[in-house]
PDB file of N, CA and C in Angstrom:
ATOM      1  N   TYR A   1      83.043  95.852  98.958  1.00  0.00           N
ATOM      2  CA  TYR A   1      83.537  95.124 100.104  1.00  0.00           C
ATOM      3  C   TYR A   1      83.107  95.884 101.341  1.00  0.00           C
ATOM      4  N   PHE A   2      82.271  95.295 102.131  1.00  0.00           N
ATOM      5  CA  PHE A   2      81.714  95.984 103.289  1.00  0.00           C
ATOM      6  C   PHE A   2      82.309  95.435 104.575  1.00  0.00           C
ATOM      7  N   VAL A   3      82.540  96.338 105.508  1.00  0.00           N
ATOM      8  CA  VAL A   3      83.033  95.960 106.825  1.00  0.00           C
ATOM      9  C   VAL A   3      82.040  96.476 107.846  1.00  0.00           C
ATOM     10  N   TYR A   4      81.605  95.601 108.747  1.00  0.00           N
ATOM     11  CA  TYR A   4      80.673  95.999 109.790  1.00  0.00           C
ATOM     12  C   TYR A   4      81.461  96.369 111.042  1.00  0.00           C
ATOM     13  N   GLN A   5      81.226  97.573 111.536  1.00  0.00           N
ATOM     14  CA  GLN A   5      81.901  98.019 112.755  1.00  0.00           C
ATOM     15  C   GLN A   5      80.869  98.118 113.875  1.00  0.00           C
ATOM     16  N   ASN A   6      81.133  97.448 114.964  1.00  0.00           N
ATOM     17  CA  ASN A   6      80.242  97.430 116.126  1.00  0.00           C
ATOM     18  C   ASN A   6      78.848  96.917 115.769  1.00  0.00           C
ATOM     19  N   TYR A   7      78.713  96.252 114.679  1.00  0.00           N
ATOM     20  CA  TYR A   7      77.467  95.633 114.224  1.00  0.00           C
ATOM     21  C   TYR A   7      76.320  96.612 114.024  1.00  0.00           C
ATOM     22  N   ASP A   8      76.592  97.915 113.994  1.00  0.00           N
ATOM     23  CA  ASP A   8      75.478  98.840 113.798  1.00  0.00           C
ATOM     24  C   ASP A   8      75.716  99.823 112.661  1.00  0.00           C
ATOM     25  N   SER A   9      76.913  99.899 112.126  1.00  0.00           N
ATOM     26  CA  SER A   9      77.135 100.801 110.991  1.00  0.00           C
ATOM     27  C   SER A   9      77.748 100.026 109.837  1.00  0.00           C
ATOM     28  N   ASN A  10      77.477 100.485 108.670  1.00  0.00           N
ATOM     29  CA  ASN A  10      77.933  99.816 107.463  1.00  0.00           C
ATOM     30  C   ASN A  10      78.756 100.815 106.656  1.00  0.00           C
ATOM     31  N   THR A  11      80.050 100.634 106.628  1.00  0.00           N
ATOM     32  CA  THR A  11      80.905 101.562 105.880  1.00  0.00           C
ATOM     33  C   THR A  11      81.750 100.787 104.886  1.00  0.00           C
ATOM     34  N   THR A  12      82.098 101.441 103.834  1.00  0.00           N
ATOM     35  CA  THR A  12      82.972 100.801 102.850  1.00  0.00           C
ATOM     36  C   THR A  12      84.396 101.254 103.116  1.00  0.00           C
ATOM     37  N   THR A  13      85.257 100.302 103.277  1.00  0.00           N
ATOM     38  CA  THR A  13      86.670 100.608 103.489  1.00  0.00           C
ATOM     39  C   THR A  13      87.521  99.795 102.515  1.00  0.00           C
ATOM     40  N   TYR A  14      87.051  99.712 101.305  1.00  0.00           N
ATOM     41  CA  TYR A  14      87.773  98.924 100.303  1.00  0.00           C
ATOM     42  C   TYR A  14      89.061  99.621  99.906  1.00  0.00           C
ATOM     43  N   LYS A  15      90.141  98.885  99.943  1.00  0.00           N
ATOM     44  CA  LYS A  15      91.423  99.373  99.452  1.00  0.00           C
ATOM     45  C   LYS A  15      91.815  98.489  98.280  1.00  0.00           C
ATOM     46  N   GLY A  16      92.033  99.106  97.138  1.00  0.00           N
ATOM     47  CA  GLY A  16      92.402  98.333  95.958  1.00  0.00           C
ATOM     48  C   GLY A  16      93.683  97.555  96.182  1.00  0.00           C
ATOM     49  N   ARG A  17      93.686  96.336  95.721  1.00  0.00           N
ATOM     50  CA  ARG A  17      94.867  95.501  95.866  1.00  0.00           C
ATOM     51  C   ARG A  17      95.966  95.975  94.924  1.00  0.00           C
ATOM     52  N   LYS A  18      97.183  95.806  95.368  1.00  0.00           N
ATOM     53  CA  LYS A  18      98.301  96.100  94.498  1.00  0.00           C
ATOM     54  C   LYS A  18      98.365  94.983  93.460  1.00  0.00           C
ATOM     55  N   ARG A  19      98.437  95.372  92.203  1.00  0.00           N
ATOM     56  CA  ARG A  19      98.425  94.388  91.133  1.00  0.00           C
ATOM     57  C   ARG A  19      99.690  93.549  91.182  1.00  0.00           C
ATOM     58  N   ARG A  20      99.504  92.242  91.125  1.00  0.00           N
ATOM     59  CA  ARG A  20     100.647  91.332  91.118  1.00  0.00           C
ATOM     60  C   ARG A  20     101.228  91.244  89.720  1.00  0.00           C
ATOM     61  N   ARG A  21     102.523  91.107  89.653  1.00  0.00           N
ATOM     62  CA  ARG A  21     103.189  90.901  88.374  1.00  0.00           C
ATOM     63  C   ARG A  21     103.698  89.466  88.359  1.00  0.00           C
ATOM     64  N   VAL A  22     103.217  88.690  87.402  1.00  0.00           N
ATOM     65  CA  VAL A  22     103.557  87.280  87.322  1.00  0.00           C
ATOM     66  C   VAL A  22     104.312  87.050  86.012  1.00  0.00           C
ATOM     67  N   PHE A  23     105.442  86.375  86.126  1.00  0.00           N
ATOM     68  CA  PHE A  23     106.296  86.146  84.966  1.00  0.00           C
ATOM     69  C   PHE A  23     106.379  84.655  84.657  1.00  0.00           C
ATOM     70  N   MET A  24     106.615  84.337  83.379  1.00  0.00           N
ATOM     71  CA  MET A  24     106.792  82.949  82.963  1.00  0.00           C
ATOM     72  C   MET A  24     107.954  82.891  81.997  1.00  0.00           C
ATOM     73  N   GLY A  25     108.760  81.870  82.109  1.00  0.00           N
ATOM     74  CA  GLY A  25     109.866  81.664  81.188  1.00  0.00           C
ATOM     75  C   GLY A  25     109.832  80.256  80.646  1.00  0.00           C
ATOM     76  N   SER A  26     110.304  80.073  79.425  1.00  0.00           N
ATOM     77  CA  SER A  26     110.279  78.757  78.813  1.00  0.00           C
ATOM     78  C   SER A  26     111.414  78.633  77.809  1.00  0.00           C
ATOM     79  N   LEU A  27     111.980  77.444  77.721  1.00  0.00           N
ATOM     80  CA  LEU A  27     112.969  77.152  76.689  1.00  0.00           C
ATOM     81  C   LEU A  27     112.239  76.697  75.439  1.00  0.00           C
ATOM     82  N   ILE A  28     112.669  77.202  74.291  1.00  0.00           N
ATOM     83  CA  ILE A  28     112.076  76.763  73.041  1.00  0.00           C
ATOM     84  C   ILE A  28     113.198  76.352  72.103  1.00  0.00           C
ATOM     85  N   ALA A  29     112.882  75.493  71.157  1.00  0.00           N
ATOM     86  CA  ALA A  29     113.868  75.057  70.179  1.00  0.00           C
ATOM     87  C   ALA A  29     113.147  74.792  68.858  1.00  0.00           C
ATOM     88  N   ASP A  30     112.763  73.572  68.651  1.00  0.00           N
ATOM     89  CA  ASP A  30     112.074  73.204  67.415  1.00  0.00           C
ATOM     90  C   ASP A  30     110.604  72.928  67.670  1.00  0.00           C
ATOM     91  N   ASP A  31     110.015  73.677  68.578  1.00  0.00           N
ATOM     92  CA  ASP A  31     108.602  73.500  68.906  1.00  0.00           C
ATOM     93  C   ASP A  31     107.738  73.909  67.717  1.00  0.00           C
ATOM     94  N   SER A  32     106.640  73.199  67.542  1.00  0.00           N
ATOM     95  CA  SER A  32     105.738  73.537  66.444  1.00  0.00           C
ATOM     96  C   SER A  32     104.963  74.809  66.789  1.00  0.00           C
ATOM     97  N   TRP A  33     104.420  75.436  65.770  1.00  0.00           N
ATOM     98  CA  TRP A  33     103.620  76.643  65.995  1.00  0.00           C
ATOM     99  C   TRP A  33     102.345  76.300  66.755  1.00  0.00           C
ATOM    100  N   HIS A  34     101.868  75.061  66.641  1.00  0.00           N
ATOM    101  CA  HIS A  34     100.682  74.643  67.392  1.00  0.00           C
ATOM    102  C   HIS A  34     100.964  74.675  68.892  1.00  0.00           C
ATOM    103  N   THR A  35     102.148  74.226  69.279  1.00  0.00           N
ATOM    104  CA  THR A  35     102.524  74.244  70.692  1.00  0.00           C
ATOM    105  C   THR A  35     102.628  75.673  71.210  1.00  0.00           C
ATOM    106  N   LEU A  36     103.278  76.535  70.448  1.00  0.00           N
ATOM    107  CA  LEU A  36     103.432  77.934  70.872  1.00  0.00           C
ATOM    108  C   LEU A  36     102.083  78.653  70.920  1.00  0.00           C
ATOM    109  N   ALA A  37     101.201  78.363  69.978  1.00  0.00           N
ATOM    110  CA  ALA A  37      99.868  78.978  69.979  1.00  0.00           C
ATOM    111  C   ALA A  37      99.044  78.495  71.164  1.00  0.00           C
ATOM    112  N   THR A  38      99.190  77.218  71.517  1.00  0.00           N
ATOM    113  CA  THR A  38      98.458  76.676  72.671  1.00  0.00           C
ATOM    114  C   THR A  38      98.915  77.357  73.950  1.00  0.00           C
ATOM    115  N   ILE A  39     100.217  77.534  74.113  1.00  0.00           N
ATOM    116  CA  ILE A  39     100.738  78.254  75.285  1.00  0.00           C
ATOM    117  C   ILE A  39     100.180  79.667  75.325  1.00  0.00           C
ATOM    118  N   ALA A  40     100.154  80.338  74.179  1.00  0.00           N
ATOM    119  CA  ALA A  40      99.657  81.709  74.117  1.00  0.00           C
ATOM    120  C   ALA A  40      98.181  81.785  74.502  1.00  0.00           C
ATOM    121  N   MET A  41      97.371  80.857  74.014  1.00  0.00           N
ATOM    122  CA  MET A  41      95.939  80.883  74.317  1.00  0.00           C
ATOM    123  C   MET A  41      95.655  80.546  75.776  1.00  0.00           C
ATOM    124  N   GLU A  42      96.393  79.588  76.322  1.00  0.00           N
ATOM    125  CA  GLU A  42      96.136  79.170  77.702  1.00  0.00           C
ATOM    126  C   GLU A  42      96.611  80.196  78.727  1.00  0.00           C
ATOM    127  N   THR A  43      97.600  80.994  78.381  1.00  0.00           N
ATOM    128  CA  THR A  43      98.173  81.928  79.356  1.00  0.00           C
ATOM    129  C   THR A  43      97.804  83.377  79.093  1.00  0.00           C
ATOM    130  N   TYR A  44      96.976  83.643  78.089  1.00  0.00           N
ATOM    131  CA  TYR A  44      96.622  85.024  77.758  1.00  0.00           C
ATOM    132  C   TYR A  44      95.937  85.703  78.944  1.00  0.00           C
ATOM    133  N   GLY A  45      96.447  86.847  79.339  1.00  0.00           N
ATOM    134  CA  GLY A  45      95.856  87.617  80.424  1.00  0.00           C
ATOM    135  C   GLY A  45      96.278  87.170  81.812  1.00  0.00           C
ATOM    136  N   ILE A  46      97.073  86.099  81.908  1.00  0.00           N
ATOM    137  CA  ILE A  46      97.501  85.607  83.220  1.00  0.00           C
ATOM    138  C   ILE A  46      98.860  86.163  83.593  1.00  0.00           C
ATOM    139  N   TYR A  47      99.787  86.163  82.635  1.00  0.00           N
ATOM    140  CA  TYR A  47     101.158  86.580  82.914  1.00  0.00           C
ATOM    141  C   TYR A  47     101.413  88.003  82.441  1.00  0.00           C
ATOM    142  N   THR A  48     102.241  88.720  83.190  1.00  0.00           N
ATOM    143  CA  THR A  48     102.637  90.065  82.801  1.00  0.00           C
ATOM    144  C   THR A  48     103.635  90.002  81.661  1.00  0.00           C
ATOM    145  N   VAL A  49     104.604  89.110  81.779  1.00  0.00           N
ATOM    146  CA  VAL A  49     105.648  88.949  80.770  1.00  0.00           C
ATOM    147  C   VAL A  49     105.914  87.463  80.573  1.00  0.00           C
ATOM    148  N   VAL A  50     106.062  87.068  79.317  1.00  0.00           N
ATOM    149  CA  VAL A  50     106.481  85.711  78.990  1.00  0.00           C
ATOM    150  C   VAL A  50     107.785  85.811  78.229  1.00  0.00           C
ATOM    151  N   ALA A  51     108.810  85.101  78.684  1.00  0.00           N
ATOM    152  CA  ALA A  51     110.125  85.133  78.043  1.00  0.00           C
ATOM    153  C   ALA A  51     110.439  83.750  77.488  1.00  0.00           C
ATOM    154  N   PHE A  52     110.733  83.710  76.196  1.00  0.00           N
ATOM    155  CA  PHE A  52     111.170  82.478  75.563  1.00  0.00           C
ATOM    156  C   PHE A  52     112.676  82.563  75.349  1.00  0.00           C
ATOM    157  N   VAL A  53     113.383  81.514  75.718  1.00  0.00           N
ATOM    158  CA  VAL A  53     114.838  81.468  75.571  1.00  0.00           C
ATOM    159  C   VAL A  53     115.178  80.332  74.627  1.00  0.00           C
ATOM    160  N   GLU A  54     115.938  80.667  73.577  1.00  0.00           N
ATOM    161  CA  GLU A  54     116.351  79.642  72.619  1.00  0.00           C
ATOM    162  C   GLU A  54     117.838  79.379  72.791  1.00  0.00           C
ATOM    163  N   SER A  55     118.186  78.129  72.983  1.00  0.00           N
ATOM    164  CA  SER A  55     119.580  77.746  73.162  1.00  0.00           C
ATOM    165  C   SER A  55     120.219  77.427  71.814  1.00  0.00           C
ATOM    166  N   ASN A  56     121.526  77.606  71.738  1.00  0.00           N
ATOM    167  CA  ASN A  56     122.231  77.249  70.508  1.00  0.00           C
ATOM    168  C   ASN A  56     122.818  75.840  70.596  1.00  0.00           C
ATOM    169  N   ARG A  57     122.458  75.114  71.663  1.00  0.00           N
ATOM    170  CA  ARG A  57     122.886  73.721  71.832  1.00  0.00           C
ATOM    171  C   ARG A  57     121.699  72.886  72.301  1.00  0.00           C
ATOM    172  N   THR A  58     121.734  71.619  71.951  1.00  0.00           N
ATOM    173  CA  THR A  58     120.710  70.702  72.432  1.00  0.00           C
ATOM    174  C   THR A  58     121.031  70.319  73.869  1.00  0.00           C
ATOM    175  N   GLN A  59     120.150  69.560  74.506  1.00  0.00           N
ATOM    176  CA  GLN A  59     120.399  69.156  75.885  1.00  0.00           C
ATOM    177  C   GLN A  59     121.545  68.162  76.005  1.00  0.00           C
ATOM    178  N   THR A  60     121.917  67.532  74.893  1.00  0.00           N
ATOM    179  CA  THR A  60     123.071  66.630  74.908  1.00  0.00           C
ATOM    180  C   THR A  60     124.361  67.347  74.544  1.00  0.00           C
ATOM    181  N   GLY A  61     124.287  68.665  74.309  1.00  0.00           N
ATOM    182  CA  GLY A  61     125.483  69.460  74.032  1.00  0.00           C
ATOM    183  C   GLY A  61     125.833  69.610  72.570  1.00  0.00           C
ATOM    184  N   ILE A  62     125.024  69.066  71.677  1.00  0.00           N
ATOM    185  CA  ILE A  62     125.303  69.175  70.242  1.00  0.00           C
ATOM    186  C   ILE A  62     124.874  70.557  69.756  1.00  0.00           C
ATOM    187  N   PRO A  63     125.752  71.264  69.023  1.00  0.00           N
ATOM    188  CA  PRO A  63     125.373  72.589  68.502  1.00  0.00           C
ATOM    189  C   PRO A  63     124.176  72.481  67.552  1.00  0.00           C
ATOM    190  N   ARG A  64     123.307  73.499  67.601  1.00  0.00           N
ATOM    191  CA  ARG A  64     122.153  73.534  66.705  1.00  0.00           C
ATOM    192  C   ARG A  64     122.006  74.941  66.146  1.00  0.00           C
ATOM    193  N   LYS A  65     121.404  75.022  64.996  1.00  0.00           N
ATOM    194  CA  LYS A  65     121.179  76.305  64.342  1.00  0.00           C
ATOM    195  C   LYS A  65     119.991  76.998  65.009  1.00  0.00           C
ATOM    196  N   SER A  66     120.136  78.274  65.315  1.00  0.00           N
ATOM    197  CA  SER A  66     119.050  79.032  65.934  1.00  0.00           C
ATOM    198  C   SER A  66     117.919  79.237  64.930  1.00  0.00           C
ATOM    199  N   ARG A  67     116.708  79.106  65.415  1.00  0.00           N
ATOM    200  CA  ARG A  67     115.523  79.239  64.559  1.00  0.00           C
ATOM    201  C   ARG A  67     114.940  80.647  64.607  1.00  0.00           C
ATOM    202  N   PHE A  68     114.980  81.288  65.771  1.00  0.00           N
ATOM    203  CA  PHE A  68     114.309  82.575  65.958  1.00  0.00           C
ATOM    204  C   PHE A  68     115.310  83.734  65.957  1.00  0.00           C
ATOM    205  N   VAL A  69     116.124  83.812  64.912  1.00  0.00           N
ATOM    206  CA  VAL A  69     117.109  84.877  64.785  1.00  0.00           C
ATOM    207  C   VAL A  69     116.379  86.168  64.404  1.00  0.00           C
ATOM    208  N   LYS A  70     116.809  87.287  65.000  1.00  0.00           N
ATOM    209  CA  LYS A  70     116.155  88.571  64.728  1.00  0.00           C
ATOM    210  C   LYS A  70     116.175  88.885  63.239  1.00  0.00           C
ATOM    211  N   GLY A  71     115.021  89.244  62.718  1.00  0.00           N
ATOM    212  CA  GLY A  71     114.887  89.565  61.305  1.00  0.00           C
ATOM    213  C   GLY A  71     114.278  88.448  60.477  1.00  0.00           C
ATOM    214  N   THR A  72     114.235  87.217  61.018  1.00  0.00           N
ATOM    215  CA  THR A  72     113.634  86.111  60.274  1.00  0.00           C
ATOM    216  C   THR A  72     112.117  86.121  60.446  1.00  0.00           C
ATOM    217  N   LEU A  73     111.443  85.406  59.560  1.00  0.00           N
ATOM    218  CA  LEU A  73     109.983  85.335  59.630  1.00  0.00           C
ATOM    219  C   LEU A  73     109.525  84.675  60.931  1.00  0.00           C
ATOM    220  N   ASP A  74     110.223  83.620  61.364  1.00  0.00           N
ATOM    221  CA  ASP A  74     109.851  82.962  62.627  1.00  0.00           C
ATOM    222  C   ASP A  74     109.939  83.924  63.798  1.00  0.00           C
ATOM    223  N   HIS A  75     110.968  84.758  63.828  1.00  0.00           N
ATOM    224  CA  HIS A  75     111.124  85.735  64.908  1.00  0.00           C
ATOM    225  C   HIS A  75     110.001  86.765  64.875  1.00  0.00           C
ATOM    226  N   LYS A  76     109.675  87.246  63.687  1.00  0.00           N
ATOM    227  CA  LYS A  76     108.597  88.242  63.551  1.00  0.00           C
ATOM    228  C   LYS A  76     107.252  87.671  64.001  1.00  0.00           C
ATOM    229  N   LEU A  77     107.000  86.406  63.665  1.00  0.00           N
ATOM    230  CA  LEU A  77     105.738  85.789  64.082  1.00  0.00           C
ATOM    231  C   LEU A  77     105.677  85.574  65.582  1.00  0.00           C
ATOM    232  N   LEU A  78     106.815  85.232  66.195  1.00  0.00           N
ATOM    233  CA  LEU A  78     106.843  84.986  67.630  1.00  0.00           C
ATOM    234  C   LEU A  78     106.695  86.272  68.437  1.00  0.00           C
ATOM    235  N   VAL A  79     107.324  87.334  67.977  1.00  0.00           N
ATOM    236  CA  VAL A  79     107.291  88.602  68.695  1.00  0.00           C
ATOM    237  C   VAL A  79     105.987  89.290  68.399  1.00  0.00           C
TER     238      VAL A  79
END
């Protein structure tokens, strides 16, 4: 990155940018592995952290069984 001063000298005064930290969050429930893999491929290298949140209720308020409980195969594959 070059800056011209007084149009007669050429000096480099590049200052490295401070790296931005970009976060993404998403609700997951009974999403297929194809959907989760697509999200992973499309966002690889873009976000610093991706957080998935699984609710124990549906959007209509009906209780549901958690799929990504710690220690299960689904949890191990997701993490």
